[in-house]
N, C-alpha and C. Protein backbone atom coordinates (compact mmCIF):
# COMPACT_ATOMS: atom_id res chain seq x y z
N MET A 1 -11.66 -19.51 -0.17
CA MET A 1 -11.00 -18.31 0.30
C MET A 1 -9.82 -18.01 -0.62
N VAL A 2 -9.65 -16.74 -0.97
CA VAL A 2 -8.56 -16.31 -1.83
C VAL A 2 -7.28 -16.22 -1.01
N ASP A 3 -6.19 -16.73 -1.57
CA ASP A 3 -4.89 -16.63 -0.92
C ASP A 3 -4.21 -15.34 -1.36
N LEU A 4 -3.36 -14.80 -0.50
CA LEU A 4 -2.62 -13.58 -0.80
C LEU A 4 -1.13 -13.89 -0.84
N VAL A 5 -0.45 -13.27 -1.81
CA VAL A 5 1.00 -13.34 -1.88
C VAL A 5 1.50 -11.90 -1.88
N LEU A 6 2.38 -11.61 -0.93
CA LEU A 6 3.01 -10.29 -0.85
C LEU A 6 4.34 -10.38 -1.57
N LEU A 7 4.55 -9.50 -2.54
CA LEU A 7 5.75 -9.53 -3.36
C LEU A 7 6.33 -8.12 -3.39
N ALA A 8 7.51 -7.95 -2.78
CA ALA A 8 8.06 -6.60 -2.65
C ALA A 8 9.56 -6.63 -2.48
N HIS A 9 10.16 -5.45 -2.62
CA HIS A 9 11.59 -5.30 -2.36
C HIS A 9 11.84 -5.66 -0.89
N ALA A 10 12.92 -6.42 -0.66
CA ALA A 10 13.27 -6.84 0.70
C ALA A 10 13.56 -5.63 1.58
N PRO A 11 13.07 -5.62 2.79
CA PRO A 11 12.32 -6.63 3.53
C PRO A 11 10.84 -6.30 3.64
N LEU A 12 10.30 -5.53 2.69
CA LEU A 12 8.92 -5.04 2.81
C LEU A 12 7.89 -6.16 2.85
N ALA A 13 8.03 -7.18 2.03
CA ALA A 13 7.04 -8.27 2.03
C ALA A 13 6.99 -8.96 3.38
N SER A 14 8.16 -9.27 3.94
CA SER A 14 8.20 -9.92 5.25
C SER A 14 7.66 -9.01 6.35
N ALA A 15 7.98 -7.73 6.26
CA ALA A 15 7.48 -6.78 7.26
C ALA A 15 5.96 -6.67 7.19
N CYS A 16 5.42 -6.62 5.99
CA CYS A 16 3.96 -6.55 5.85
C CYS A 16 3.31 -7.84 6.33
N ALA A 17 3.95 -8.97 6.10
CA ALA A 17 3.42 -10.25 6.60
C ALA A 17 3.39 -10.25 8.12
N ALA A 18 4.41 -9.67 8.75
CA ALA A 18 4.43 -9.57 10.21
C ALA A 18 3.32 -8.66 10.72
N VAL A 19 3.07 -7.56 10.02
CA VAL A 19 1.97 -6.65 10.39
C VAL A 19 0.64 -7.37 10.23
N ALA A 20 0.51 -8.15 9.17
CA ALA A 20 -0.73 -8.91 8.95
C ALA A 20 -0.94 -9.93 10.07
N ALA A 21 0.12 -10.61 10.46
CA ALA A 21 0.01 -11.61 11.53
C ALA A 21 -0.33 -10.96 12.86
N HIS A 22 0.12 -9.74 13.05
CA HIS A 22 -0.20 -9.01 14.28
C HIS A 22 -1.70 -8.73 14.37
N ALA A 23 -2.29 -8.29 13.28
CA ALA A 23 -3.72 -7.93 13.28
C ALA A 23 -4.64 -9.11 12.98
N PHE A 24 -4.17 -10.05 12.18
CA PHE A 24 -4.98 -11.20 11.75
C PHE A 24 -4.19 -12.49 11.91
N PRO A 25 -3.94 -12.94 13.13
CA PRO A 25 -3.11 -14.14 13.31
C PRO A 25 -3.70 -15.37 12.64
N GLU A 26 -5.00 -15.43 12.49
CA GLU A 26 -5.62 -16.60 11.87
C GLU A 26 -5.44 -16.63 10.36
N ALA A 27 -5.00 -15.53 9.75
CA ALA A 27 -4.87 -15.46 8.30
C ALA A 27 -3.53 -15.97 7.78
N SER A 28 -2.64 -16.37 8.65
CA SER A 28 -1.30 -16.76 8.21
C SER A 28 -1.31 -17.94 7.23
N SER A 29 -2.30 -18.79 7.32
CA SER A 29 -2.35 -19.93 6.41
C SER A 29 -2.73 -19.53 4.99
N HIS A 30 -3.26 -18.32 4.82
CA HIS A 30 -3.66 -17.84 3.50
C HIS A 30 -2.75 -16.73 2.99
N LEU A 31 -1.60 -16.56 3.61
CA LEU A 31 -0.70 -15.46 3.28
C LEU A 31 0.71 -15.97 3.08
N ARG A 32 1.30 -15.60 1.96
CA ARG A 32 2.70 -15.94 1.67
C ARG A 32 3.42 -14.67 1.27
N CYS A 33 4.72 -14.66 1.47
CA CYS A 33 5.47 -13.46 1.07
C CYS A 33 6.74 -13.85 0.34
N VAL A 34 7.13 -12.99 -0.58
CA VAL A 34 8.35 -13.17 -1.35
C VAL A 34 9.08 -11.82 -1.34
N ASP A 35 10.23 -11.80 -0.68
CA ASP A 35 11.07 -10.61 -0.67
C ASP A 35 12.04 -10.68 -1.84
N VAL A 36 12.19 -9.59 -2.54
CA VAL A 36 13.08 -9.53 -3.70
C VAL A 36 14.35 -8.79 -3.31
N ALA A 37 15.47 -9.49 -3.41
CA ALA A 37 16.77 -8.90 -3.07
C ALA A 37 17.23 -7.97 -4.20
N PRO A 38 18.05 -6.97 -3.87
CA PRO A 38 18.48 -6.00 -4.90
C PRO A 38 19.21 -6.64 -6.08
N GLN A 39 19.98 -7.68 -5.86
CA GLN A 39 20.78 -8.26 -6.93
C GLN A 39 20.03 -9.34 -7.72
N GLU A 40 18.81 -9.68 -7.33
CA GLU A 40 18.08 -10.77 -7.97
C GLU A 40 17.61 -10.38 -9.37
N ASP A 41 17.78 -11.30 -10.30
CA ASP A 41 17.29 -11.02 -11.66
C ASP A 41 15.85 -11.48 -11.81
N MET A 42 15.23 -11.02 -12.87
CA MET A 42 13.80 -11.25 -13.09
C MET A 42 13.45 -12.74 -13.13
N ASP A 43 14.24 -13.54 -13.81
CA ASP A 43 13.94 -14.97 -13.93
C ASP A 43 13.95 -15.67 -12.57
N ALA A 44 14.87 -15.26 -11.71
CA ALA A 44 14.94 -15.86 -10.37
C ALA A 44 13.71 -15.48 -9.55
N VAL A 45 13.28 -14.24 -9.68
CA VAL A 45 12.09 -13.78 -8.94
C VAL A 45 10.86 -14.52 -9.44
N VAL A 46 10.72 -14.64 -10.75
CA VAL A 46 9.57 -15.35 -11.33
C VAL A 46 9.56 -16.81 -10.85
N SER A 47 10.71 -17.44 -10.84
CA SER A 47 10.80 -18.84 -10.39
C SER A 47 10.38 -18.98 -8.93
N ARG A 48 10.88 -18.11 -8.07
CA ARG A 48 10.49 -18.18 -6.65
C ARG A 48 9.02 -17.87 -6.46
N LEU A 49 8.50 -16.93 -7.24
CA LEU A 49 7.08 -16.60 -7.14
C LEU A 49 6.21 -17.77 -7.57
N ARG A 50 6.56 -18.43 -8.64
CA ARG A 50 5.78 -19.60 -9.10
C ARG A 50 5.73 -20.67 -8.01
N LYS A 51 6.84 -20.87 -7.32
CA LYS A 51 6.89 -21.87 -6.24
C LYS A 51 6.03 -21.44 -5.05
N ALA A 52 5.89 -20.15 -4.83
CA ALA A 52 5.12 -19.65 -3.70
C ALA A 52 3.62 -19.60 -3.97
N LEU A 53 3.23 -19.66 -5.24
CA LEU A 53 1.81 -19.56 -5.58
C LEU A 53 1.04 -20.77 -5.10
N PRO A 54 -0.08 -20.54 -4.42
CA PRO A 54 -0.95 -21.65 -4.04
C PRO A 54 -1.73 -22.16 -5.25
N GLU A 55 -2.44 -23.23 -5.05
CA GLU A 55 -3.21 -23.85 -6.15
C GLU A 55 -4.45 -23.06 -6.54
N GLY A 56 -5.12 -22.47 -5.56
CA GLY A 56 -6.40 -21.81 -5.82
C GLY A 56 -6.25 -20.37 -6.29
N GLU A 57 -7.35 -19.63 -6.16
CA GLU A 57 -7.34 -18.23 -6.55
C GLU A 57 -6.38 -17.44 -5.66
N THR A 58 -5.64 -16.54 -6.30
CA THR A 58 -4.59 -15.82 -5.59
C THR A 58 -4.57 -14.36 -6.00
N LEU A 59 -4.41 -13.51 -5.01
CA LEU A 59 -4.20 -12.09 -5.25
C LEU A 59 -2.77 -11.78 -4.85
N ILE A 60 -1.99 -11.28 -5.80
CA ILE A 60 -0.61 -10.86 -5.52
C ILE A 60 -0.63 -9.36 -5.27
N LEU A 61 -0.13 -8.96 -4.11
CA LEU A 61 0.01 -7.54 -3.79
C LEU A 61 1.48 -7.19 -3.95
N ALA A 62 1.79 -6.39 -4.96
CA ALA A 62 3.16 -5.99 -5.26
C ALA A 62 3.38 -4.57 -4.78
N ASP A 63 4.64 -4.22 -4.53
CA ASP A 63 4.90 -2.92 -3.93
C ASP A 63 4.81 -1.76 -4.93
N VAL A 64 5.49 -1.81 -6.05
CA VAL A 64 5.55 -0.64 -6.95
C VAL A 64 5.31 -1.08 -8.39
N PHE A 65 4.38 -0.43 -9.04
CA PHE A 65 4.13 -0.73 -10.45
C PHE A 65 5.38 -0.40 -11.27
N GLY A 66 5.76 -1.31 -12.16
CA GLY A 66 6.90 -1.09 -13.04
C GLY A 66 8.22 -1.58 -12.48
N ALA A 67 8.27 -1.91 -11.20
CA ALA A 67 9.50 -2.41 -10.60
C ALA A 67 9.56 -3.94 -10.76
N THR A 68 10.71 -4.51 -10.45
CA THR A 68 10.93 -5.96 -10.64
C THR A 68 9.86 -6.82 -9.98
N PRO A 69 9.48 -6.57 -8.71
CA PRO A 69 8.44 -7.44 -8.13
C PRO A 69 7.13 -7.42 -8.92
N CYS A 70 6.68 -6.27 -9.29
CA CYS A 70 5.42 -6.17 -10.03
C CYS A 70 5.55 -6.80 -11.42
N ASN A 71 6.67 -6.57 -12.09
CA ASN A 71 6.87 -7.16 -13.41
C ASN A 71 6.91 -8.68 -13.33
N ALA A 72 7.51 -9.22 -12.28
CA ALA A 72 7.51 -10.68 -12.09
C ALA A 72 6.09 -11.18 -11.86
N ALA A 73 5.32 -10.45 -11.06
CA ALA A 73 3.94 -10.85 -10.79
C ALA A 73 3.11 -10.85 -12.07
N LEU A 74 3.35 -9.87 -12.92
CA LEU A 74 2.60 -9.81 -14.18
C LEU A 74 2.95 -10.98 -15.10
N ARG A 75 4.14 -11.52 -14.97
CA ARG A 75 4.52 -12.68 -15.78
C ARG A 75 3.77 -13.94 -15.37
N VAL A 76 3.41 -14.05 -14.09
CA VAL A 76 2.73 -15.26 -13.63
C VAL A 76 1.22 -15.08 -13.54
N ALA A 77 0.74 -13.87 -13.56
CA ALA A 77 -0.71 -13.63 -13.46
C ALA A 77 -1.40 -14.04 -14.74
N ASP A 78 -2.50 -14.73 -14.59
CA ASP A 78 -3.25 -15.15 -15.77
C ASP A 78 -4.52 -14.32 -15.96
N GLY A 79 -4.81 -13.41 -15.03
CA GLY A 79 -5.99 -12.55 -15.15
C GLY A 79 -7.28 -13.24 -14.73
N THR A 80 -7.22 -14.52 -14.45
CA THR A 80 -8.40 -15.26 -14.03
C THR A 80 -8.21 -15.80 -12.62
N ARG A 81 -7.28 -16.73 -12.46
CA ARG A 81 -7.01 -17.34 -11.16
C ARG A 81 -6.02 -16.54 -10.33
N VAL A 82 -5.10 -15.85 -10.99
CA VAL A 82 -4.07 -15.06 -10.33
C VAL A 82 -4.15 -13.62 -10.82
N ARG A 83 -4.37 -12.70 -9.88
CA ARG A 83 -4.48 -11.27 -10.22
C ARG A 83 -3.43 -10.49 -9.44
N VAL A 84 -3.10 -9.29 -9.92
CA VAL A 84 -2.06 -8.46 -9.32
C VAL A 84 -2.60 -7.07 -9.04
N VAL A 85 -2.29 -6.56 -7.85
CA VAL A 85 -2.56 -5.16 -7.49
C VAL A 85 -1.23 -4.58 -7.02
N ALA A 86 -0.85 -3.43 -7.57
CA ALA A 86 0.41 -2.78 -7.17
C ALA A 86 0.11 -1.62 -6.23
N GLY A 87 1.10 -1.28 -5.42
CA GLY A 87 0.97 -0.18 -4.46
C GLY A 87 0.74 -0.67 -3.05
N LEU A 88 1.31 -1.81 -2.73
CA LEU A 88 1.10 -2.46 -1.43
C LEU A 88 1.27 -1.48 -0.27
N ASN A 89 0.25 -1.42 0.57
CA ASN A 89 0.34 -0.68 1.83
C ASN A 89 -0.48 -1.44 2.88
N VAL A 90 -0.36 -1.04 4.12
CA VAL A 90 -1.02 -1.78 5.20
C VAL A 90 -2.55 -1.74 5.09
N PRO A 91 -3.16 -0.58 4.83
CA PRO A 91 -4.63 -0.60 4.69
C PRO A 91 -5.11 -1.53 3.58
N MET A 92 -4.39 -1.57 2.47
CA MET A 92 -4.74 -2.47 1.37
C MET A 92 -4.65 -3.93 1.84
N LEU A 93 -3.59 -4.24 2.56
CA LEU A 93 -3.40 -5.60 3.06
C LEU A 93 -4.48 -5.99 4.04
N TRP A 94 -4.76 -5.13 5.00
CA TRP A 94 -5.79 -5.44 5.99
C TRP A 94 -7.15 -5.58 5.35
N ARG A 95 -7.47 -4.71 4.40
CA ARG A 95 -8.76 -4.82 3.70
C ARG A 95 -8.82 -6.15 2.95
N SER A 96 -7.74 -6.54 2.32
CA SER A 96 -7.72 -7.81 1.59
C SER A 96 -7.92 -8.99 2.52
N LEU A 97 -7.30 -8.93 3.68
CA LEU A 97 -7.46 -10.03 4.65
C LEU A 97 -8.88 -10.08 5.20
N CYS A 98 -9.47 -8.93 5.42
CA CYS A 98 -10.85 -8.89 5.95
C CYS A 98 -11.85 -9.50 4.98
N TYR A 99 -11.60 -9.34 3.69
CA TYR A 99 -12.57 -9.77 2.69
C TYR A 99 -12.06 -10.91 1.81
N ALA A 100 -11.08 -11.66 2.29
CA ALA A 100 -10.51 -12.76 1.50
C ALA A 100 -11.52 -13.85 1.18
N HIS A 101 -12.64 -13.86 1.87
CA HIS A 101 -13.68 -14.86 1.60
C HIS A 101 -14.54 -14.50 0.38
N GLU A 102 -14.40 -13.26 -0.12
CA GLU A 102 -15.19 -12.82 -1.27
C GLU A 102 -14.56 -13.32 -2.58
N PRO A 103 -15.32 -13.27 -3.67
CA PRO A 103 -14.76 -13.68 -4.97
C PRO A 103 -13.55 -12.80 -5.34
N LEU A 104 -12.67 -13.36 -6.15
CA LEU A 104 -11.42 -12.68 -6.50
C LEU A 104 -11.64 -11.30 -7.11
N ASP A 105 -12.60 -11.17 -8.02
CA ASP A 105 -12.86 -9.87 -8.64
C ASP A 105 -13.24 -8.82 -7.60
N ARG A 106 -14.09 -9.20 -6.68
CA ARG A 106 -14.51 -8.25 -5.62
C ARG A 106 -13.34 -7.95 -4.68
N LEU A 107 -12.52 -8.94 -4.40
CA LEU A 107 -11.37 -8.73 -3.52
C LEU A 107 -10.38 -7.75 -4.14
N VAL A 108 -10.16 -7.86 -5.44
CA VAL A 108 -9.27 -6.91 -6.13
C VAL A 108 -9.80 -5.49 -5.95
N ALA A 109 -11.10 -5.31 -6.14
CA ALA A 109 -11.70 -3.97 -5.97
C ALA A 109 -11.55 -3.48 -4.53
N ARG A 110 -11.76 -4.36 -3.57
CA ARG A 110 -11.62 -3.98 -2.16
C ARG A 110 -10.18 -3.59 -1.84
N ALA A 111 -9.21 -4.33 -2.38
CA ALA A 111 -7.81 -4.02 -2.12
C ALA A 111 -7.46 -2.63 -2.66
N VAL A 112 -7.89 -2.34 -3.87
CA VAL A 112 -7.61 -1.03 -4.47
C VAL A 112 -8.29 0.08 -3.68
N GLU A 113 -9.55 -0.14 -3.30
CA GLU A 113 -10.26 0.86 -2.49
C GLU A 113 -9.54 1.10 -1.16
N GLY A 114 -9.15 0.03 -0.49
CA GLY A 114 -8.47 0.16 0.80
C GLY A 114 -7.16 0.90 0.68
N GLY A 115 -6.41 0.61 -0.36
CA GLY A 115 -5.14 1.29 -0.56
C GLY A 115 -5.31 2.77 -0.86
N ALA A 116 -6.31 3.10 -1.68
CA ALA A 116 -6.49 4.49 -2.08
C ALA A 116 -7.22 5.32 -1.03
N GLN A 117 -8.25 4.78 -0.43
CA GLN A 117 -9.06 5.55 0.52
C GLN A 117 -8.33 5.85 1.81
N CYS A 118 -7.35 5.08 2.14
CA CYS A 118 -6.68 5.27 3.43
C CYS A 118 -5.40 6.09 3.32
N VAL A 119 -5.14 6.66 2.16
CA VAL A 119 -4.02 7.58 2.02
C VAL A 119 -4.59 8.98 2.13
N MET A 120 -4.21 9.68 3.19
CA MET A 120 -4.79 11.01 3.43
C MET A 120 -3.84 11.84 4.29
N GLN A 121 -3.96 13.12 4.15
CA GLN A 121 -3.22 14.03 5.02
C GLN A 121 -4.00 14.13 6.32
N VAL A 122 -3.35 13.84 7.43
CA VAL A 122 -4.05 13.86 8.71
C VAL A 122 -3.57 14.96 9.64
N SER A 123 -2.61 15.73 9.22
CA SER A 123 -2.18 16.88 10.02
C SER A 123 -2.29 18.12 9.15
N THR A 124 -2.34 19.26 9.78
CA THR A 124 -2.42 20.52 9.06
C THR A 124 -1.20 21.36 9.39
N PRO A 125 -0.88 22.31 8.53
CA PRO A 125 0.27 23.16 8.83
C PRO A 125 0.03 23.94 10.12
N ARG A 126 1.12 24.21 10.82
CA ARG A 126 1.01 25.00 12.04
C ARG A 126 0.55 26.41 11.69
N PRO A 127 -0.24 27.04 12.56
CA PRO A 127 -0.65 28.42 12.29
C PRO A 127 0.58 29.33 12.32
N GLN A 128 0.51 30.35 11.51
CA GLN A 128 1.62 31.29 11.47
C GLN A 128 1.58 32.18 12.71
N ASN A 129 2.74 32.48 13.22
CA ASN A 129 2.83 33.37 14.37
C ASN A 129 2.78 34.82 13.89
N GLN A 130 1.75 35.50 14.29
CA GLN A 130 1.59 36.90 13.92
C GLN A 130 1.69 37.75 15.16
N PRO A 131 2.40 38.86 15.05
CA PRO A 131 2.50 39.72 16.22
C PRO A 131 1.14 40.30 16.58
N PRO A 132 0.85 40.40 17.86
CA PRO A 132 -0.45 40.97 18.24
C PRO A 132 -0.52 42.44 17.85
N GLN A 133 -1.71 42.87 17.52
CA GLN A 133 -1.94 44.27 17.17
C GLN A 133 -2.03 45.09 18.46
N SER A 134 -1.32 46.19 18.49
CA SER A 134 -1.42 47.06 19.68
C SER A 134 -2.62 47.98 19.53
N PRO A 135 -3.19 48.41 20.63
CA PRO A 135 -4.37 49.29 20.54
C PRO A 135 -4.05 50.61 19.86
N GLN A 136 -2.79 51.04 19.89
CA GLN A 136 -2.42 52.30 19.27
C GLN A 136 -2.34 52.21 17.76
N SER A 137 -2.10 51.02 17.22
CA SER A 137 -1.98 50.90 15.77
C SER A 137 -3.14 50.05 15.25
N PRO A 138 -4.15 50.66 14.73
CA PRO A 138 -5.29 49.90 14.21
C PRO A 138 -4.84 49.04 13.02
N GLN A 139 -5.58 47.98 12.81
CA GLN A 139 -5.24 47.07 11.73
C GLN A 139 -5.43 47.76 10.40
N SER A 140 -4.42 47.70 9.57
CA SER A 140 -4.46 48.34 8.26
C SER A 140 -4.90 47.34 7.21
N HIS A 141 -5.68 47.79 6.26
CA HIS A 141 -6.09 46.96 5.13
C HIS A 141 -5.37 47.40 3.87
N ASP A 142 -4.36 48.21 4.03
CA ASP A 142 -3.57 48.70 2.92
C ASP A 142 -2.71 47.55 2.40
N PRO A 143 -2.79 47.20 1.09
CA PRO A 143 -2.01 46.08 0.57
C PRO A 143 -0.51 46.30 0.66
N ARG A 144 -0.08 47.57 0.85
CA ARG A 144 1.35 47.83 0.98
C ARG A 144 1.83 47.60 2.42
N ASP A 145 0.90 47.44 3.33
CA ASP A 145 1.24 47.17 4.72
C ASP A 145 1.36 45.64 4.88
N HIS A 146 2.58 45.16 5.05
CA HIS A 146 2.81 43.72 5.03
C HIS A 146 2.91 43.12 6.43
N ARG A 147 2.30 43.72 7.42
CA ARG A 147 2.32 43.13 8.75
C ARG A 147 1.43 41.91 8.82
N HIS A 148 0.43 41.87 7.97
CA HIS A 148 -0.45 40.71 7.96
C HIS A 148 0.13 39.65 7.02
N GLN A 149 -0.26 38.41 7.23
CA GLN A 149 0.20 37.32 6.40
C GLN A 149 -1.00 36.64 5.77
N GLN A 150 -0.89 36.34 4.51
CA GLN A 150 -2.01 35.70 3.82
C GLN A 150 -1.66 34.30 3.45
């Protein structure tokens, strides 16, 4: 089974670990988190991350590409045993936990799919309030008549 390490700006990693424990309490043994404090330098983050890495295959889920957590993860990732996916969100995490028994390459693809496919607009703009048309004034199709809204 692939282990997961959550690496994010504090307190996001811990919060995501709590969400994971809520939905997948049995997965806690395969999940570690590293919160990065605002004042922490890169070497300190890399050192803490190395200590948190398990022995086997590991997927690191980092919060933002190009930020300190992701850059630290890229320093320890070897591309074979340790891989990194940036853009940590709850659907990505849950998908990773559901499929942690799959090979690392497939798990990386599942994590990316889960993160991307579950970002969607789920509400629509409210309809515009238009005054009702009175029977005495028929609806005009004249473009200079701005009573209608497009």
